[in-house]
Amino acid sequence: MKKPHLFPSRYPRSLTLLLVLFTVILPARANEHHNLTHGNAAIEVVIPFAIPAIFEASPTAGDATLVLRATTLITNSWFDAVAPYHPTAVGVYSNLGRRPANESENNLNLNIALLYASYHALNSLFPHRNDDWRAMLASAGLDPDNNTTALTEPAGIGNAAGIALVAARENDGMNQLGNEGDRTYHRAPYADYTGYAPVNTAYELSDPSRWQPAMTGSNGLFKIQQFVTPQMRITRPYSYHNPKRFRARPPVKSNVRNYGAYRQQADEVLQASASMTDEQKAMAELFDNKINSLGFSAVFASFSQQLSLAEFIQYDFLTNMAAFDTAIAIWQEKARFDAVRPFSAIRYLYGDELVTAWGGPGQGTVYDLKGSEWTSYLPVADHPEYPSGSASFCAAHAEASRLFLGSDQLGYVVSVPQGSSRIEPGVTPAADIELVFPTWSDFEHNCSMSRFWSGVHFLSSLPEGEKIGNRVARYAYNFMVAKLNGD
């Protein structure tokens, strides 16, 4: 298959250009018909329409379990829809036969099929945005009311693949429909139904070894965190049967009975907080946003490696599936250990004693900060600390990329304009900077460390997350290869 040339000259080098592509240029073409014969409708049509819905559900794209569910189901729909145009592949949730080789000499049929499959996945994930999904098909010159399931037509293949995916995944344990626990009325999508309850309250740390929900807000409008989607741990994985094969070592330093180690790891966080550089802050914000970091790095790699449409779909589904299956294993361990986060431990240890740390947006390092006033650079995540989820997702993403692309080379450069920080707008960075990731290993390492620099994880949480992410990625890769071989 001829590799598509999606840009007239060099591929985009920086995240800034990708952001312009996805958030400005492509949505503005909603009334233009895209080149389905030689283009990549997954990147050029689906992603620009899907991103606003994902950000609506997770305004900072930092709620990884929710973001990964959306991106994995969308990319799964692409994979299953184009499988009939591959010499041997079958879909994950459908086996729709084999189409003649001449039907995939260009990208037309693949693009039509993936667009109709995306329509079903997106309507399942975000049903209240049906008008957007209809506009998505119309922007590509397709009829949103074409409901054929004829397997001799690309629209029928896409519809059949999308319908099968939705049927398989709407009740997979994640409670997407909000109907778990025999709930019929006032459904609450993605709500917990497992009965998880924290040992500590937002008001009292009765057990300093265990997770404490944070209180957020100000001026009388406060909210108390809940463990986000604890049912992720019992959601059905793709690439393995039982997440219990992926275990982290106990977080012994987070056990307050090991007081010396407990205090040491808290002091390490304070020291990192006090010495954050503009580059570290920018990396923390980049990797906190799973679309900007995981999503756009995959798109960048597909351009730089000149992947064909079919190869891009395989690669993008693989990286998302690897992170999704990693999340299931990590959430199992988070619930099992229910470990304290740095903000609770530091306040417990130091109370009204003075510490040296980052003092808040625009304050820089403060030398007379009370321990009870300390907060992390990034907002505290709404789930137990150990192992690190972000470290595991980046590890899974990087390992899946190495396996698929056959190299550790990346060459990703992210431009960060002066004052563009979400946490310290107008202040950080003090001047334009570039974040450079020569290899996937650099990407993986900096992603992990950014969680430590920004104060949301202890150091020991990072390698445990990385190990699980790397292991799961290899299962995901083998699973996808099996599907490509027709198993």
Protein backbone atom coordinates (compact mmCIF):
# COMPACT_ATOMS: atom_id res chain seq x y z
CA MET A 1 0.00 0.00 0.00
CA LYS A 2 1.32 3.44 -0.92
CA LYS A 3 2.25 5.52 2.11
CA PRO A 4 0.06 8.65 2.29
CA HIS A 5 1.65 12.09 2.23
CA LEU A 6 -0.51 13.99 4.67
CA PHE A 7 1.50 17.21 4.56
CA PRO A 8 2.94 18.95 1.48
CA SER A 9 6.42 19.30 3.01
CA ARG A 10 8.14 18.19 6.23
CA TYR A 11 6.04 16.51 8.88
CA PRO A 12 5.24 18.75 11.90
CA ARG A 13 8.24 18.92 14.21
CA SER A 14 6.67 20.35 17.32
CA LEU A 15 3.59 19.95 19.45
CA THR A 16 2.68 23.55 18.67
CA LEU A 17 2.17 22.70 15.02
CA LEU A 18 0.18 19.59 15.89
CA LEU A 19 -2.06 21.61 18.19
CA VAL A 20 -2.70 24.11 15.39
CA LEU A 21 -3.48 21.23 13.06
CA PHE A 22 -5.97 19.55 15.38
CA THR A 23 -7.63 22.48 17.10
CA VAL A 24 -7.73 25.19 14.45
CA ILE A 25 -7.14 24.09 10.87
CA LEU A 26 -8.98 20.79 10.59
CA PRO A 27 -12.22 21.70 12.46
CA ALA A 28 -12.44 24.80 10.29
CA ARG A 29 -12.74 22.45 7.32
CA ALA A 30 -15.88 20.79 8.70
CA ASN A 31 -17.80 21.70 5.54
CA GLU A 32 -15.05 20.61 3.17
CA HIS A 33 -14.78 17.07 1.83
CA HIS A 34 -11.49 15.41 2.70
CA ASN A 35 -9.38 13.43 0.28
CA LEU A 36 -10.38 9.93 1.26
CA THR A 37 -8.53 8.35 -1.63
CA HIS A 38 -5.04 9.28 -0.45
CA GLY A 39 -5.53 10.87 2.97
CA ASN A 40 -5.76 9.55 6.51
CA ALA A 41 -9.29 10.10 7.81
CA ALA A 42 -8.35 8.82 11.27
CA ILE A 43 -5.99 11.77 11.74
CA GLU A 44 -7.61 14.32 9.47
CA VAL A 45 -11.27 13.79 10.35
CA VAL A 46 -11.90 11.63 13.43
CA ILE A 47 -9.26 12.98 15.81
CA PRO A 48 -10.16 16.68 15.36
CA PHE A 49 -13.83 15.91 15.98
CA ALA A 50 -13.15 13.56 18.92
CA ILE A 51 -10.70 15.75 20.84
CA PRO A 52 -13.28 18.34 22.00
CA ALA A 53 -15.48 15.54 23.36
CA ILE A 54 -12.57 14.01 25.27
CA PHE A 55 -11.65 17.39 26.75
CA GLU A 56 -15.28 17.97 27.70
CA ALA A 57 -15.21 14.74 29.71
CA SER A 58 -11.75 15.48 31.15
CA PRO A 59 -10.96 19.21 30.90
CA THR A 60 -7.20 18.73 31.32
CA ALA A 61 -7.11 15.28 29.65
CA GLY A 62 -5.50 14.11 32.88
CA ASP A 63 -8.18 11.60 33.91
CA ALA A 64 -6.31 8.73 32.33
CA THR A 65 -8.85 5.94 32.73
CA LEU A 66 -11.55 8.00 31.04
CA VAL A 67 -9.27 9.34 28.30
CA LEU A 68 -7.79 5.92 27.55
CA ARG A 69 -11.21 4.34 27.35
CA ALA A 70 -12.25 6.79 24.66
CA THR A 71 -9.05 6.60 22.64
CA THR A 72 -8.83 2.82 22.87
CA LEU A 73 -12.39 2.19 21.73
CA ILE A 74 -12.03 4.68 18.88
CA THR A 75 -8.77 3.16 17.64
CA ASN A 76 -10.18 -0.34 18.14
CA SER A 77 -13.03 0.61 15.82
CA TRP A 78 -10.49 1.61 13.16
CA PHE A 79 -8.56 -1.64 13.53
CA ASP A 80 -11.64 -3.82 13.22
CA ALA A 81 -13.01 -1.81 10.30
CA VAL A 82 -9.89 -2.13 8.14
CA ALA A 83 -9.13 -5.76 9.05
CA PRO A 84 -11.06 -7.12 6.01
CA TYR A 85 -8.69 -5.14 3.73
CA HIS A 86 -5.60 -6.78 5.25
CA PRO A 87 -4.30 -10.06 3.76
CA THR A 88 -4.82 -12.05 6.98
CA ALA A 89 -6.14 -9.85 9.83
CA VAL A 90 -9.32 -10.28 11.82
CA GLY A 91 -10.91 -7.69 14.08
CA VAL A 92 -10.90 -7.89 17.83
CA TYR A 93 -14.69 -8.14 18.02
CA SER A 94 -15.62 -9.08 14.47
CA ASN A 95 -14.47 -11.32 11.63
CA LEU A 96 -15.97 -9.73 8.54
CA GLY A 97 -14.30 -11.76 5.84
CA ARG A 98 -11.65 -10.75 3.33
CA ARG A 99 -11.92 -8.14 0.61
CA PRO A 100 -10.08 -8.38 -2.73
CA ALA A 101 -6.61 -6.83 -2.75
CA ASN A 102 -7.56 -4.27 -5.41
CA GLU A 103 -10.01 -2.67 -2.96
CA SER A 104 -7.10 -1.48 -0.83
CA GLU A 105 -4.85 -0.16 -3.58
CA ASN A 106 -5.56 3.31 -2.17
CA ASN A 107 -7.08 4.55 1.08
CA LEU A 108 -10.66 5.17 -0.05
CA ASN A 109 -12.35 2.04 1.23
CA LEU A 110 -10.30 1.93 4.42
CA ASN A 111 -11.18 5.52 5.22
CA ILE A 112 -14.88 5.02 4.58
CA ALA A 113 -14.93 1.91 6.75
CA LEU A 114 -13.05 3.49 9.66
CA LEU A 115 -15.27 6.59 9.56
CA TYR A 116 -18.47 4.58 9.88
CA ALA A 117 -16.96 2.42 12.62
CA SER A 118 -15.85 5.58 14.45
CA TYR A 119 -19.39 6.91 14.20
CA HIS A 120 -20.70 3.97 16.25
CA ALA A 121 -17.87 4.09 18.79
CA LEU A 122 -18.27 7.82 19.33
CA ASN A 123 -22.04 7.63 19.62
CA SER A 124 -21.59 4.98 22.28
CA LEU A 125 -18.98 6.97 24.20
CA PHE A 126 -20.52 10.44 23.80
CA PRO A 127 -24.17 9.98 22.75
CA HIS A 128 -25.07 13.59 23.60
CA ARG A 129 -22.80 14.78 20.77
CA ASN A 130 -24.56 12.88 17.99
CA ASP A 131 -24.81 16.06 15.91
CA ASP A 132 -21.01 16.28 15.94
CA TRP A 133 -20.62 12.70 14.77
CA ARG A 134 -23.10 13.27 11.98
CA ALA A 135 -21.15 16.37 10.98
CA MET A 136 -17.96 14.31 11.05
CA LEU A 137 -19.31 11.92 8.42
CA ALA A 138 -20.79 14.75 6.39
CA SER A 139 -17.45 16.56 6.37
CA ALA A 140 -16.03 13.54 4.55
CA GLY A 141 -18.90 13.46 2.08
CA LEU A 142 -20.57 10.47 3.72
CA ASP A 143 -24.22 9.92 4.65
CA PRO A 144 -24.76 9.61 8.43
CA ASP A 145 -28.02 7.75 7.74
CA ASN A 146 -26.36 4.99 5.71
CA ASN A 147 -27.06 2.02 8.00
CA THR A 148 -26.07 -0.77 5.64
CA THR A 149 -24.18 -3.73 7.06
CA ALA A 150 -23.46 -5.28 3.66
CA LEU A 151 -19.95 -6.72 3.87
CA THR A 152 -19.29 -5.98 0.20
CA GLU A 153 -19.34 -2.23 0.89
CA PRO A 154 -16.91 -0.22 3.01
CA ALA A 155 -19.78 1.55 4.76
CA GLY A 156 -21.32 -1.80 5.64
CA ILE A 157 -18.01 -3.14 6.92
CA GLY A 158 -17.53 -0.03 9.06
CA ASN A 159 -21.06 -0.20 10.44
CA ALA A 160 -20.74 -3.91 11.22
CA ALA A 161 -17.38 -3.45 12.91
CA GLY A 162 -18.62 -0.51 14.98
CA ILE A 163 -21.79 -2.28 16.06
CA ALA A 164 -19.84 -5.36 17.16
CA LEU A 165 -17.35 -3.26 19.11
CA VAL A 166 -20.08 -1.36 20.94
CA ALA A 167 -21.92 -4.58 21.80
CA ALA A 168 -18.73 -6.06 23.24
CA ARG A 169 -17.55 -3.04 25.21
CA GLU A 170 -20.55 -1.16 26.58
CA ASN A 171 -20.87 -3.61 29.49
CA ASP A 172 -17.25 -4.66 30.02
CA GLY A 173 -17.05 -3.72 33.70
CA MET A 174 -16.22 -0.03 33.29
CA ASN A 175 -19.87 0.99 33.84
CA GLN A 176 -19.92 3.18 30.76
CA LEU A 177 -23.73 3.15 30.71
CA GLY A 178 -24.09 3.75 34.45
CA ASN A 179 -26.32 0.70 34.79
CA GLU A 180 -24.17 -1.53 36.98
CA GLY A 181 -25.82 -2.65 40.20
CA ASP A 182 -29.15 -3.05 38.34
CA ARG A 183 -29.54 0.71 38.17
CA THR A 184 -32.38 1.64 35.81
CA TYR A 185 -33.05 5.31 36.51
CA HIS A 186 -30.72 8.30 37.04
CA ARG A 187 -27.84 6.40 35.60
CA ALA A 188 -24.33 7.58 36.48
CA PRO A 189 -21.85 6.60 33.77
CA TYR A 190 -18.47 5.42 35.06
CA ALA A 191 -19.61 5.59 38.70
CA ASP A 192 -18.08 3.14 41.16
CA TYR A 193 -20.18 0.09 41.96
CA THR A 194 -17.49 -1.91 43.77
CA GLY A 195 -18.07 -0.39 47.21
CA TYR A 196 -14.64 1.18 47.59
CA ALA A 197 -14.40 3.56 50.55
CA PRO A 198 -11.28 5.43 51.70
CA VAL A 199 -9.92 4.83 55.18
CA ASN A 200 -9.26 8.55 55.62
CA THR A 201 -11.54 11.50 55.08
CA ALA A 202 -10.59 14.83 53.57
CA TYR A 203 -10.76 16.27 57.09
CA GLU A 204 -8.82 13.66 59.07
CA LEU A 205 -5.80 11.50 58.29
CA SER A 206 -6.51 8.62 60.66
CA ASP A 207 -4.03 6.30 58.92
CA PRO A 208 -0.98 8.16 57.51
CA SER A 209 -0.09 5.17 55.35
CA ARG A 210 -3.32 5.23 53.36
CA TRP A 211 -4.82 7.42 50.67
CA GLN A 212 -6.62 10.58 51.70
CA PRO A 213 -9.06 12.29 49.33
CA ALA A 214 -8.02 15.87 48.72
CA MET A 215 -10.32 18.83 49.12
CA THR A 216 -10.30 21.14 46.12
CA GLY A 217 -11.85 24.53 45.42
CA SER A 218 -11.91 27.87 47.23
CA ASN A 219 -14.12 30.68 48.51
CA GLY A 220 -16.60 28.34 50.11
CA LEU A 221 -17.03 26.18 47.01
CA PHE A 222 -15.19 23.00 47.94
CA LYS A 223 -15.25 19.51 46.51
CA ILE A 224 -13.94 16.29 48.01
CA GLN A 225 -12.27 13.77 45.73
CA GLN A 226 -13.51 10.27 45.11
CA PHE A 227 -11.36 7.44 43.80
CA VAL A 228 -11.94 7.82 40.06
CA THR A 229 -13.26 4.63 38.43
CA PRO A 230 -12.02 2.06 40.97
CA GLN A 231 -13.93 -0.44 38.85
CA MET A 232 -11.19 -0.09 36.23
CA ARG A 233 -9.44 -2.92 38.06
CA ILE A 234 -12.22 -5.37 37.12
CA THR A 235 -12.77 -4.08 33.58
CA ARG A 236 -12.12 -6.65 30.86
CA PRO A 237 -8.62 -6.39 29.37
CA TYR A 238 -7.73 -7.02 25.74
CA SER A 239 -4.37 -8.76 25.86
CA TYR A 240 -4.46 -10.95 28.98
CA HIS A 241 -7.03 -12.68 31.14
CA ASN A 242 -6.10 -11.88 34.72
CA PRO A 243 -4.40 -8.70 35.94
CA LYS A 244 -3.12 -10.55 39.01
CA ARG A 245 -0.14 -11.64 36.93
CA PHE A 246 1.06 -8.03 37.17
CA ARG A 247 2.03 -7.26 40.74
CA ALA A 248 3.99 -4.39 42.28
CA ARG A 249 6.16 -4.78 45.35
CA PRO A 250 4.56 -3.31 48.51
CA PRO A 251 5.27 0.41 49.05
CA VAL A 252 7.24 -0.11 52.25
CA LYS A 253 8.40 3.49 52.41
CA SER A 254 4.79 4.65 52.50
CA ASN A 255 4.15 2.63 55.65
CA VAL A 256 4.39 5.11 58.51
CA ARG A 257 5.77 2.35 60.73
CA ASN A 258 8.95 2.65 58.65
CA TYR A 259 9.18 6.21 59.89
CA GLY A 260 12.71 6.97 58.69
CA ALA A 261 11.98 5.88 55.14
CA TYR A 262 8.54 7.51 55.26
CA ARG A 263 10.09 10.85 56.17
CA GLN A 264 12.96 10.46 53.72
CA GLN A 265 10.71 10.03 50.71
CA ALA A 266 8.63 13.03 51.78
CA ASP A 267 11.79 15.12 52.10
CA GLU A 268 12.82 14.05 48.60
CA VAL A 269 9.53 15.43 47.26
CA LEU A 270 10.02 18.72 49.11
CA GLN A 271 13.53 19.09 47.76
CA ALA A 272 12.36 18.44 44.20
CA SER A 273 9.50 20.90 44.71
CA ALA A 274 11.90 23.62 45.84
CA SER A 275 14.21 23.20 42.87
CA MET A 276 11.81 22.82 39.94
CA THR A 277 13.06 24.37 36.72
CA ASP A 278 10.90 25.83 33.97
CA GLU A 279 11.71 22.79 31.85
CA GLN A 280 10.58 20.42 34.59
CA LYS A 281 7.35 22.36 35.06
CA ALA A 282 6.69 22.25 31.32
CA MET A 283 7.31 18.51 31.22
CA ALA A 284 5.01 17.97 34.19
CA GLU A 285 2.19 19.77 32.40
CA LEU A 286 2.86 18.02 29.10
CA PHE A 287 2.75 14.52 30.56
CA ASP A 288 -0.24 15.32 32.75
CA ASN A 289 -2.22 15.80 29.55
CA LYS A 290 -2.55 12.34 28.02
CA ILE A 291 -3.70 13.67 24.64
CA ASN A 292 -0.79 16.10 24.26
CA SER A 293 1.81 13.58 25.42
CA LEU A 294 0.73 10.05 24.48
CA GLY A 295 -1.62 10.95 21.65
CA PHE A 296 0.42 13.53 19.81
CA SER A 297 3.72 11.67 20.19
CA ALA A 298 2.13 8.72 18.38
CA VAL A 299 0.88 10.98 15.60
CA PHE A 300 4.34 12.54 15.36
CA ALA A 301 5.97 9.12 15.15
CA SER A 302 3.57 8.05 12.40
CA PHE A 303 4.55 11.11 10.34
CA SER A 304 8.26 10.76 10.97
CA GLN A 305 8.17 7.04 10.11
CA GLN A 306 5.90 7.69 7.10
CA LEU A 307 3.46 5.02 8.17
CA SER A 308 0.74 4.04 5.77
CA LEU A 309 -2.88 4.46 6.85
CA ALA A 310 -3.13 0.77 7.76
CA GLU A 311 0.16 0.89 9.67
CA PHE A 312 -0.89 4.01 11.55
CA ILE A 313 -4.13 2.33 12.62
CA GLN A 314 -2.26 -0.74 13.85
CA TYR A 315 0.26 1.39 15.71
CA ASP A 316 -2.25 3.78 17.28
CA PHE A 317 -4.52 0.98 18.41
CA LEU A 318 -1.55 -0.89 19.87
CA THR A 319 -0.30 2.06 21.95
CA ASN A 320 -3.77 2.83 23.26
CA MET A 321 -4.60 -0.80 24.02
CA ALA A 322 -1.27 -1.22 25.83
CA ALA A 323 -1.98 1.78 28.05
CA PHE A 324 -5.61 0.72 28.61
CA ASP A 325 -4.63 -2.79 29.69
CA THR A 326 -1.89 -1.28 31.85
CA ALA A 327 -4.48 0.90 33.58
CA ILE A 328 -6.45 -2.18 34.59
CA ALA A 329 -3.39 -3.74 36.23
CA ILE A 330 -2.30 -0.47 37.85
CA TRP A 331 -5.77 0.28 39.24
CA GLN A 332 -5.78 -3.21 40.74
CA GLU A 333 -2.58 -2.35 42.60
CA LYS A 334 -3.71 1.15 43.56
CA ALA A 335 -6.79 -0.31 45.20
CA ARG A 336 -4.77 -3.11 46.82
CA PHE A 337 -2.21 -0.81 48.49
CA ASP A 338 -4.40 2.30 48.87
CA ALA A 339 -1.20 4.27 49.47
CA VAL A 340 -0.81 7.79 50.87
CA ARG A 341 0.04 10.66 48.54
CA PRO A 342 2.83 13.19 49.21
CA PHE A 343 0.51 16.06 50.17
CA SER A 344 -0.97 14.03 53.04
CA ALA A 345 2.37 12.66 54.24
CA ILE A 346 4.06 16.06 54.21
CA ARG A 347 1.24 17.72 56.12
CA TYR A 348 1.23 14.85 58.59
CA LEU A 349 4.98 15.04 59.13
CA TYR A 350 5.45 18.78 59.30
CA GLY A 351 2.13 20.41 60.19
CA ASP A 352 2.96 24.01 61.15
CA GLU A 353 6.71 23.44 60.93
CA LEU A 354 8.47 25.41 58.22
CA VAL A 355 9.62 23.69 55.04
CA THR A 356 11.30 24.91 51.85
CA ALA A 357 9.34 24.18 48.69
CA TRP A 358 7.46 25.63 45.76
CA GLY A 359 5.10 28.20 47.23
CA GLY A 360 2.26 28.20 44.73
CA PRO A 361 1.58 29.71 41.28
CA GLY A 362 4.08 32.45 40.54
CA GLN A 363 5.68 32.26 44.01
CA GLY A 364 8.77 30.23 43.17
CA THR A 365 10.73 28.67 46.04
CA VAL A 366 9.52 29.69 49.49
CA TYR A 367 11.72 29.18 52.56
CA ASP A 368 9.17 29.83 55.30
CA LEU A 369 6.26 27.70 54.08
CA LYS A 370 4.29 25.70 56.64
CA GLY A 371 4.12 21.99 55.98
CA SER A 372 0.34 22.15 56.33
CA GLU A 373 0.26 24.71 53.49
CA TRP A 374 2.36 22.74 51.04
CA THR A 375 0.77 21.65 47.79
CA SER A 376 2.11 19.91 44.72
CA TYR A 377 2.78 21.77 41.49
CA LEU A 378 0.22 19.66 39.66
CA PRO A 379 -3.24 19.20 41.17
CA VAL A 380 -3.45 16.09 43.34
CA ALA A 381 -4.77 13.14 41.35
CA ASP A 382 -8.01 11.54 42.52
CA HIS A 383 -6.76 8.04 43.26
CA PRO A 384 -4.25 6.32 45.55
CA GLU A 385 -0.58 6.99 44.93
CA TYR A 386 1.11 3.65 44.29
CA PRO A 387 2.15 2.60 41.67
CA SER A 388 2.33 5.64 39.40
CA GLY A 389 -0.30 5.52 36.69
CA SER A 390 1.34 8.09 34.42
CA ALA A 391 4.72 6.37 34.67
CA SER A 392 3.07 3.09 33.69
CA PHE A 393 1.15 4.56 30.76
CA CYS A 394 4.23 6.24 29.32
CA ALA A 395 6.21 3.03 29.77
CA ALA A 396 3.53 1.01 27.98
CA HIS A 397 3.31 3.62 25.22
CA ALA A 398 7.09 3.73 24.77
CA GLU A 399 7.58 -0.04 24.82
CA ALA A 400 4.71 -0.59 22.37
CA SER A 401 6.28 2.04 20.10
CA ARG A 402 9.69 0.38 20.26
CA LEU A 403 8.20 -3.00 19.43
CA PHE A 404 6.08 -1.77 16.54
CA LEU A 405 8.51 0.73 15.03
CA GLY A 406 11.56 -1.45 15.61
CA SER A 407 13.67 1.28 17.15
CA ASP A 408 14.06 3.43 20.24
CA GLN A 409 14.63 6.53 18.10
CA LEU A 410 12.02 9.26 18.40
CA GLY A 411 13.32 12.79 17.77
CA TYR A 412 10.23 14.48 19.22
CA VAL A 413 10.51 18.20 19.96
CA VAL A 414 7.77 20.06 21.83
CA SER A 415 7.83 23.85 21.64
CA VAL A 416 6.66 25.62 24.82
CA PRO A 417 6.05 29.35 24.34
CA GLN A 418 6.89 31.86 27.07
CA GLY A 419 4.15 32.14 29.69
CA SER A 420 2.06 29.27 28.28
CA SER A 421 1.88 27.31 31.54
CA ARG A 422 -1.53 26.12 32.72
CA ILE A 423 -0.41 26.32 36.35
CA GLU A 424 1.55 29.58 36.15
CA PRO A 425 0.08 31.41 33.14
CA GLY A 426 2.08 34.39 31.95
CA VAL A 427 4.98 33.42 34.21
CA THR A 428 6.28 30.00 33.18
CA PRO A 429 8.35 29.43 31.22
CA ALA A 430 10.19 32.73 31.50
CA ALA A 431 11.29 32.37 27.87
CA ASP A 432 10.44 30.10 24.95
CA ILE A 433 11.85 26.61 25.47
CA GLU A 434 11.89 23.30 23.64
CA LEU A 435 11.42 19.92 25.26
CA VAL A 436 13.53 17.42 23.34
CA PHE A 437 12.97 13.65 23.39
CA PRO A 438 15.62 11.97 21.23
CA THR A 439 14.41 8.46 22.10
CA TRP A 440 11.37 6.70 23.48
CA SER A 441 13.48 5.88 26.53
CA ASP A 442 13.98 9.60 27.13
CA PHE A 443 10.24 10.13 26.71
CA GLU A 444 9.48 7.34 29.20
CA HIS A 445 12.03 8.49 31.79
CA ASN A 446 11.04 12.15 31.74
CA CYS A 447 7.37 11.25 31.94
CA SER A 448 8.04 9.25 35.10
CA MET A 449 10.26 11.85 36.72
CA SER A 450 7.81 14.65 35.96
CA ARG A 451 5.40 13.09 38.43
CA PHE A 452 8.06 13.29 41.12
CA TRP A 453 9.23 16.82 40.27
CA SER A 454 5.63 18.04 40.36
CA GLY A 455 5.00 16.52 43.79
CA VAL A 456 2.26 14.02 43.01
CA HIS A 457 4.34 10.84 43.42
CA PHE A 458 7.12 9.46 45.58
CA LEU A 459 10.19 8.15 43.78
CA SER A 460 9.55 4.48 44.57
CA SER A 461 6.19 4.63 42.80
CA LEU A 462 7.79 5.29 39.42
CA PRO A 463 9.80 2.13 38.63
CA GLU A 464 6.96 -0.08 39.83
CA GLY A 465 4.63 1.60 37.36
CA GLU A 466 7.21 1.41 34.58
CA LYS A 467 7.77 -2.33 35.06
CA ILE A 468 4.07 -3.12 34.79
CA GLY A 469 3.63 -0.83 31.76
CA ASN A 470 6.56 -2.43 29.93
CA ARG A 471 5.30 -5.94 30.64
CA VAL A 472 1.74 -5.24 29.58
CA ALA A 473 2.94 -3.60 26.35
CA ARG A 474 4.58 -6.85 25.31
CA TYR A 475 1.32 -8.73 25.88
CA ALA A 476 -0.53 -6.08 23.87
CA TYR A 477 1.96 -6.32 21.01
CA ASN A 478 1.65 -10.11 20.87
CA PHE A 479 -2.13 -9.80 20.97
CA MET A 480 -2.17 -7.42 18.01
CA VAL A 481 0.27 -9.55 16.00
CA ALA A 482 -2.02 -12.52 16.58
CA LYS A 483 -4.97 -10.54 15.27
CA LEU A 484 -2.96 -9.48 12.20
CA ASN A 485 -2.14 -13.16 11.60
CA GLY A 486 -5.83 -14.03 11.71
CA ASP A 487 -5.99 -15.62 15.16
